[in-house]
């Protein structure tokens, strides 16, 4: 999970070191080990990869069960279905973790808007409103508000690829 901070229409310059690695912000003391060597990194709990892997595991699917299939399952599972409770539990935990990390960034930067890219854009319909509600109704934000501007990337999951060639 990479990030960017834009202030006065300019990308925040972090000098010679890479910056805005929001995925490596620790949100769980002594948590899951991350590829970076630290424990409890945001991306281990709130990346779409983590969400899809956790959902697959909870439902008993392997990695061949695609994100598209997971989305269809989420959309088409009703309260009477045995998988409904499992899906809601995994989704709730993901939203709580995502909101925790985003709230830390909001409390530091007080941004006008937050953009989320990657495969989240495909799951926007089933995740975004819950994320906004979590941020607005839980005691996570230092400066409470009635609205929060979170938008999905217009370039979808291809933003990183397109950005890398520009």
Foldseek 3Di string as FASTA:
>chain_A
DADWDADPNHTDDPDPDDDRRLQQDAPDVQAPQDPVGDHRGLCCQAPVVNLVCQLCVLVVHDPVCDPVNVLVCQVPDDPVDPCPVVNVVSLVSNLLSVLQSVQVVCQVPVDQEAEAAAQVVVVCVPRVVVNFCNNQPDPRHPDHDDGHHYYYDPVHNCVVVVVVVD
